[in-house]
């Protein structure tokens, strides 16, 4: 979700890759639906593990949730976003995903601003 939202926000100004520490077998249908609602593309995406070679070539890794852990090489910053979990408050389904999307979108906007300001 974060990668799709960053691509929508930053277009080609920030290179975005997506991978998981424990990727599932398919993309979450509700996640894809709420991304489509805001025009955040998921075309060509599929669950995949972190590529060690790519990990050594990036500047920043963002993980989502407290259970995600990445052993990054020296010089690679790992930033964890412990996102809101609406199901803890009894909110499920599409409403849950929209709230998760909103939380991640806010963090993506802040990160995009930070990264783009650093290049000026």
N, C-alpha and C. Protein backbone atom coordinates (compact mmCIF):
# COMPACT_ATOMS: atom_id res chain seq x y z
N UNK A 1 0.82 -1.18 0.00
CA UNK A 1 0.00 0.00 0.00
C UNK A 1 0.88 1.26 0.00
N UNK A 2 1.91 1.25 0.83
CA UNK A 2 2.79 2.43 0.92
C UNK A 2 3.48 2.71 -0.41
N UNK A 3 3.93 1.67 -1.09
CA UNK A 3 4.62 1.85 -2.37
C UNK A 3 3.68 2.46 -3.40
N UNK A 4 2.47 1.95 -3.50
CA UNK A 4 1.50 2.48 -4.47
C UNK A 4 1.18 3.94 -4.16
N UNK A 5 1.01 4.26 -2.89
CA UNK A 5 0.71 5.64 -2.52
C UNK A 5 1.90 6.56 -2.79
N UNK A 6 3.12 6.06 -2.57
CA UNK A 6 4.29 6.89 -2.86
C UNK A 6 4.43 7.12 -4.37
N UNK A 7 4.18 6.10 -5.15
CA UNK A 7 4.25 6.29 -6.61
C UNK A 7 3.24 7.33 -7.06
N UNK A 8 2.06 7.30 -6.48
CA UNK A 8 1.02 8.28 -6.83
C UNK A 8 1.47 9.68 -6.40
N UNK A 9 2.03 9.79 -5.21
CA UNK A 9 2.41 11.09 -4.65
C UNK A 9 3.63 11.68 -5.36
N UNK A 10 4.65 10.87 -5.56
CA UNK A 10 5.94 11.38 -6.04
C UNK A 10 6.18 11.14 -7.51
N UNK A 11 5.35 10.36 -8.16
CA UNK A 11 5.52 10.02 -9.57
C UNK A 11 6.93 9.46 -9.77
N UNK A 12 7.68 10.02 -10.70
CA UNK A 12 9.02 9.50 -10.98
C UNK A 12 10.11 10.25 -10.21
N UNK A 13 9.73 11.12 -9.28
CA UNK A 13 10.72 11.89 -8.53
C UNK A 13 11.39 11.08 -7.42
N UNK A 14 10.76 9.97 -7.03
CA UNK A 14 11.33 9.07 -6.02
C UNK A 14 11.22 7.66 -6.57
N UNK A 15 12.32 6.92 -6.54
CA UNK A 15 12.31 5.53 -6.99
C UNK A 15 11.75 4.68 -5.85
N UNK A 16 10.73 3.90 -6.17
CA UNK A 16 10.02 3.12 -5.15
C UNK A 16 10.08 1.64 -5.50
N UNK A 17 10.40 0.83 -4.51
CA UNK A 17 10.36 -0.63 -4.65
C UNK A 17 9.47 -1.16 -3.54
N UNK A 18 8.86 -2.30 -3.78
CA UNK A 18 8.00 -2.90 -2.76
C UNK A 18 8.39 -4.36 -2.58
N UNK A 19 8.50 -4.75 -1.31
CA UNK A 19 8.81 -6.15 -0.98
C UNK A 19 8.34 -6.37 0.46
N UNK A 20 8.28 -7.62 0.83
CA UNK A 20 7.82 -7.92 2.18
C UNK A 20 8.81 -8.76 2.96
N UNK A 21 8.75 -8.63 4.28
CA UNK A 21 9.58 -9.46 5.14
C UNK A 21 8.99 -10.86 5.25
N UNK A 22 7.68 -10.98 5.03
CA UNK A 22 6.99 -12.27 5.02
C UNK A 22 5.85 -12.18 4.00
N UNK A 23 6.19 -12.11 2.71
CA UNK A 23 5.16 -11.88 1.70
C UNK A 23 4.15 -13.02 1.61
N UNK A 24 2.89 -12.65 1.41
CA UNK A 24 1.83 -13.64 1.23
C UNK A 24 1.86 -14.19 -0.18
N UNK A 25 0.78 -14.85 -0.55
CA UNK A 25 0.70 -15.46 -1.88
C UNK A 25 0.01 -14.56 -2.90
N UNK A 26 -0.69 -13.52 -2.43
CA UNK A 26 -1.37 -12.61 -3.35
C UNK A 26 -1.57 -11.27 -2.65
N UNK A 27 -1.83 -10.24 -3.47
CA UNK A 27 -2.12 -8.93 -2.91
C UNK A 27 -3.50 -8.96 -2.26
N UNK A 28 -3.67 -8.20 -1.21
CA UNK A 28 -4.93 -8.13 -0.51
C UNK A 28 -5.96 -7.41 -1.38
N UNK A 29 -7.10 -8.05 -1.64
CA UNK A 29 -8.11 -7.49 -2.54
C UNK A 29 -8.68 -6.18 -2.01
N UNK A 30 -8.94 -6.09 -0.70
CA UNK A 30 -9.47 -4.84 -0.15
C UNK A 30 -8.44 -3.72 -0.23
N UNK A 31 -7.19 -4.06 -0.02
CA UNK A 31 -6.12 -3.07 -0.14
C UNK A 31 -6.06 -2.53 -1.57
N UNK A 32 -6.14 -3.43 -2.53
CA UNK A 32 -6.11 -3.01 -3.93
C UNK A 32 -7.33 -2.13 -4.24
N UNK A 33 -8.49 -2.47 -3.69
CA UNK A 33 -9.70 -1.70 -3.93
C UNK A 33 -9.59 -0.28 -3.40
N UNK A 34 -9.08 -0.13 -2.17
CA UNK A 34 -8.99 1.23 -1.61
C UNK A 34 -7.88 2.04 -2.27
N UNK A 35 -6.86 1.38 -2.79
CA UNK A 35 -5.84 2.10 -3.55
C UNK A 35 -6.41 2.58 -4.88
N UNK A 36 -7.21 1.75 -5.51
CA UNK A 36 -7.86 2.13 -6.76
C UNK A 36 -8.78 3.33 -6.55
N UNK A 37 -9.45 3.40 -5.41
CA UNK A 37 -10.34 4.52 -5.11
C UNK A 37 -9.64 5.87 -5.17
N UNK A 38 -8.34 5.90 -4.85
CA UNK A 38 -7.59 7.16 -4.84
C UNK A 38 -6.62 7.26 -6.02
N UNK A 39 -6.71 6.33 -6.96
CA UNK A 39 -5.85 6.39 -8.14
C UNK A 39 -4.41 6.01 -7.90
N UNK A 40 -4.17 5.15 -6.91
CA UNK A 40 -2.81 4.68 -6.63
C UNK A 40 -2.62 3.34 -7.32
N UNK A 41 -1.74 3.27 -8.30
CA UNK A 41 -1.62 2.06 -9.13
C UNK A 41 -0.97 0.87 -8.43
N UNK A 42 -1.53 -0.31 -8.70
CA UNK A 42 -0.94 -1.55 -8.20
C UNK A 42 -0.59 -2.48 -9.36
N UNK A 43 -0.76 -2.01 -10.58
CA UNK A 43 -0.48 -2.84 -11.75
C UNK A 43 0.96 -3.35 -11.72
N UNK A 44 1.12 -4.62 -11.96
CA UNK A 44 2.44 -5.23 -12.00
C UNK A 44 2.98 -5.61 -10.63
N UNK A 45 2.29 -5.26 -9.57
CA UNK A 45 2.77 -5.61 -8.23
C UNK A 45 2.33 -7.02 -7.86
N UNK A 46 3.14 -7.67 -7.06
CA UNK A 46 2.85 -9.00 -6.55
C UNK A 46 3.69 -9.19 -5.29
N UNK A 47 3.27 -10.05 -4.39
CA UNK A 47 4.06 -10.27 -3.17
C UNK A 47 5.44 -10.85 -3.51
N UNK A 48 6.47 -10.26 -2.95
CA UNK A 48 7.83 -10.74 -3.19
C UNK A 48 8.70 -10.45 -1.98
N UNK A 49 9.68 -11.28 -1.77
CA UNK A 49 10.59 -11.04 -0.64
C UNK A 49 11.59 -9.93 -0.96
N UNK A 50 12.25 -9.46 0.07
CA UNK A 50 13.28 -8.44 -0.11
C UNK A 50 14.45 -9.04 -0.87
N UNK A 51 14.90 -8.33 -1.89
CA UNK A 51 16.04 -8.73 -2.69
C UNK A 51 17.31 -8.20 -2.02
N UNK A 52 18.20 -9.07 -1.54
CA UNK A 52 19.40 -8.61 -0.83
C UNK A 52 20.27 -7.65 -1.67
N UNK A 53 20.36 -7.90 -2.96
CA UNK A 53 21.15 -7.00 -3.82
C UNK A 53 20.53 -5.62 -3.87
N UNK A 54 19.21 -5.55 -4.08
CA UNK A 54 18.52 -4.26 -4.10
C UNK A 54 18.63 -3.57 -2.74
N UNK A 55 18.52 -4.33 -1.68
CA UNK A 55 18.63 -3.77 -0.33
C UNK A 55 19.96 -3.05 -0.14
N UNK A 56 21.01 -3.56 -0.75
CA UNK A 56 22.33 -2.93 -0.62
C UNK A 56 22.47 -1.68 -1.47
N UNK A 57 21.51 -1.43 -2.37
CA UNK A 57 21.59 -0.29 -3.29
C UNK A 57 20.67 0.86 -2.93
N UNK A 58 19.79 0.69 -1.96
CA UNK A 58 18.83 1.74 -1.62
C UNK A 58 19.35 2.58 -0.45
N UNK A 59 18.72 3.73 -0.26
CA UNK A 59 19.08 4.62 0.84
C UNK A 59 18.20 4.43 2.06
N UNK A 60 16.93 4.05 1.82
CA UNK A 60 15.94 4.00 2.88
C UNK A 60 15.01 2.82 2.68
N UNK A 61 14.70 2.14 3.77
CA UNK A 61 13.71 1.06 3.77
C UNK A 61 12.64 1.46 4.78
N UNK A 62 11.39 1.37 4.36
CA UNK A 62 10.27 1.62 5.27
C UNK A 62 9.59 0.29 5.53
N UNK A 63 9.44 -0.04 6.80
CA UNK A 63 8.69 -1.24 7.16
C UNK A 63 7.37 -0.81 7.78
N UNK A 64 6.37 -1.65 7.61
CA UNK A 64 5.04 -1.36 8.15
C UNK A 64 4.72 -2.36 9.24
N UNK A 65 4.46 -1.87 10.43
CA UNK A 65 4.08 -2.73 11.55
C UNK A 65 5.27 -3.15 12.38
N UNK A 66 5.00 -3.39 13.64
CA UNK A 66 6.05 -3.72 14.59
C UNK A 66 6.69 -5.08 14.37
N UNK A 67 6.00 -5.99 13.69
CA UNK A 67 6.57 -7.33 13.49
C UNK A 67 7.57 -7.40 12.34
N UNK A 68 7.58 -6.40 11.48
CA UNK A 68 8.51 -6.39 10.34
C UNK A 68 9.90 -5.99 10.80
N UNK A 69 10.90 -6.76 10.40
CA UNK A 69 12.29 -6.46 10.76
C UNK A 69 13.18 -6.69 9.54
N UNK A 70 14.04 -5.74 9.27
CA UNK A 70 14.97 -5.82 8.15
C UNK A 70 16.39 -5.61 8.67
N UNK A 71 17.28 -6.55 8.36
CA UNK A 71 18.69 -6.38 8.66
C UNK A 71 19.32 -5.68 7.46
N UNK A 72 19.40 -4.38 7.54
CA UNK A 72 19.91 -3.60 6.42
C UNK A 72 21.42 -3.43 6.53
N UNK A 73 22.09 -3.35 5.39
CA UNK A 73 23.53 -3.11 5.41
C UNK A 73 23.85 -1.70 5.92
N UNK A 74 25.08 -1.49 6.31
CA UNK A 74 25.52 -0.19 6.78
C UNK A 74 25.19 0.88 5.74
N UNK A 75 24.70 1.99 6.21
CA UNK A 75 24.38 3.10 5.31
C UNK A 75 22.94 3.12 4.84
N UNK A 76 22.20 2.04 5.07
CA UNK A 76 20.80 1.99 4.68
C UNK A 76 19.95 2.26 5.93
N UNK A 77 19.15 3.30 5.86
CA UNK A 77 18.29 3.67 6.99
C UNK A 77 17.02 2.83 6.93
N UNK A 78 16.62 2.30 8.08
CA UNK A 78 15.35 1.57 8.19
C UNK A 78 14.42 2.39 9.07
N UNK A 79 13.28 2.71 8.53
CA UNK A 79 12.28 3.49 9.25
C UNK A 79 11.03 2.64 9.38
N UNK A 80 10.55 2.46 10.61
CA UNK A 80 9.34 1.65 10.82
C UNK A 80 8.14 2.54 11.04
N UNK A 81 7.07 2.21 10.33
CA UNK A 81 5.79 2.89 10.53
C UNK A 81 4.87 1.90 11.22
N UNK A 82 4.66 2.11 12.50
CA UNK A 82 3.75 1.26 13.25
C UNK A 82 2.35 1.83 13.04
N UNK A 83 1.71 1.37 12.01
CA UNK A 83 0.46 1.95 11.54
C UNK A 83 -0.72 1.65 12.44
N UNK A 84 -1.72 2.49 12.34
CA UNK A 84 -2.97 2.32 13.06
C UNK A 84 -3.62 0.99 12.68
N UNK A 85 -4.18 0.31 13.64
CA UNK A 85 -4.90 -0.94 13.36
C UNK A 85 -6.36 -0.80 13.81
N UNK A 86 -7.24 -0.39 12.87
CA UNK A 86 -8.64 -0.17 13.21
C UNK A 86 -9.36 -1.41 13.76
N UNK A 87 -8.91 -2.60 13.41
CA UNK A 87 -9.57 -3.80 13.91
C UNK A 87 -9.45 -3.90 15.44
N UNK A 88 -8.44 -3.24 16.02
CA UNK A 88 -8.31 -3.20 17.47
C UNK A 88 -9.50 -2.47 18.11
N UNK A 89 -10.16 -1.65 17.29
CA UNK A 89 -11.33 -0.89 17.76
C UNK A 89 -12.62 -1.48 17.19
N UNK A 90 -12.55 -2.68 16.62
CA UNK A 90 -13.74 -3.33 16.09
C UNK A 90 -14.13 -2.89 14.70
N UNK A 91 -13.23 -2.21 13.99
CA UNK A 91 -13.52 -1.74 12.63
C UNK A 91 -12.87 -2.70 11.65
N UNK A 92 -13.68 -3.27 10.77
CA UNK A 92 -13.17 -4.26 9.81
C UNK A 92 -13.61 -3.93 8.39
N UNK A 93 -13.22 -4.80 7.47
CA UNK A 93 -13.66 -4.70 6.09
C UNK A 93 -13.11 -3.48 5.37
N UNK A 94 -13.91 -2.96 4.45
CA UNK A 94 -13.47 -1.85 3.61
C UNK A 94 -13.22 -0.60 4.44
N UNK A 95 -14.01 -0.38 5.50
CA UNK A 95 -13.81 0.78 6.36
C UNK A 95 -12.43 0.71 7.03
N UNK A 96 -12.04 -0.48 7.48
CA UNK A 96 -10.72 -0.68 8.08
C UNK A 96 -9.63 -0.31 7.08
N UNK A 97 -9.76 -0.82 5.86
CA UNK A 97 -8.72 -0.57 4.86
C UNK A 97 -8.63 0.90 4.49
N UNK A 98 -9.75 1.59 4.46
CA UNK A 98 -9.70 3.03 4.17
C UNK A 98 -8.98 3.79 5.28
N UNK A 99 -9.18 3.39 6.52
CA UNK A 99 -8.48 4.03 7.63
C UNK A 99 -6.98 3.72 7.58
N UNK A 100 -6.64 2.48 7.28
CA UNK A 100 -5.23 2.11 7.14
C UNK A 100 -4.60 2.91 6.00
N UNK A 101 -5.31 2.98 4.87
CA UNK A 101 -4.82 3.77 3.73
C UNK A 101 -4.58 5.21 4.14
N UNK A 102 -5.51 5.80 4.89
CA UNK A 102 -5.36 7.19 5.32
C UNK A 102 -4.14 7.40 6.20
N UNK A 103 -3.91 6.49 7.12
CA UNK A 103 -2.74 6.57 7.99
C UNK A 103 -1.46 6.48 7.17
N UNK A 104 -1.40 5.51 6.28
CA UNK A 104 -0.19 5.34 5.47
C UNK A 104 -0.02 6.51 4.51
N UNK A 105 -1.11 7.03 3.94
CA UNK A 105 -1.01 8.16 3.01
C UNK A 105 -0.42 9.39 3.71
N UNK A 106 -0.81 9.63 4.94
CA UNK A 106 -0.26 10.76 5.70
C UNK A 106 1.24 10.59 5.87
N UNK A 107 1.66 9.38 6.22
CA UNK A 107 3.10 9.11 6.41
C UNK A 107 3.86 9.21 5.08
N UNK A 108 3.25 8.73 4.00
CA UNK A 108 3.86 8.83 2.68
C UNK A 108 4.04 10.30 2.28
N UNK A 109 3.02 11.11 2.50
CA UNK A 109 3.13 12.54 2.16
C UNK A 109 4.27 13.19 2.93
N UNK A 110 4.39 12.88 4.22
CA UNK A 110 5.46 13.45 5.04
C UNK A 110 6.83 12.98 4.55
N UNK A 111 6.94 11.69 4.23
CA UNK A 111 8.22 11.16 3.74
C UNK A 111 8.58 11.77 2.39
N UNK A 112 7.62 11.87 1.49
CA UNK A 112 7.89 12.46 0.17
C UNK A 112 8.38 13.89 0.32
N UNK A 113 7.74 14.65 1.18
CA UNK A 113 8.17 16.03 1.41
C UNK A 113 9.60 16.06 1.94
N UNK A 114 9.88 15.21 2.90
CA UNK A 114 11.23 15.15 3.50
C UNK A 114 12.28 14.78 2.44
N UNK A 115 11.99 13.75 1.65
CA UNK A 115 12.96 13.31 0.65
C UNK A 115 13.16 14.34 -0.46
N UNK A 116 12.08 14.91 -0.92
CA UNK A 116 12.18 15.88 -2.02
C UNK A 116 12.82 17.18 -1.55
N UNK A 117 12.56 17.60 -0.31
CA UNK A 117 13.21 18.79 0.24
C UNK A 117 14.72 18.57 0.37
N UNK A 118 15.12 17.34 0.68
CA UNK A 118 16.55 17.02 0.84
C UNK A 118 17.30 17.10 -0.47
N UNK A 119 16.61 17.01 -1.60
CA UNK A 119 17.28 17.05 -2.90
C UNK A 119 17.34 18.45 -3.49
N UNK A 120 16.76 19.39 -2.78
CA UNK A 120 16.76 20.78 -3.30
C UNK A 120 17.97 21.53 -2.85
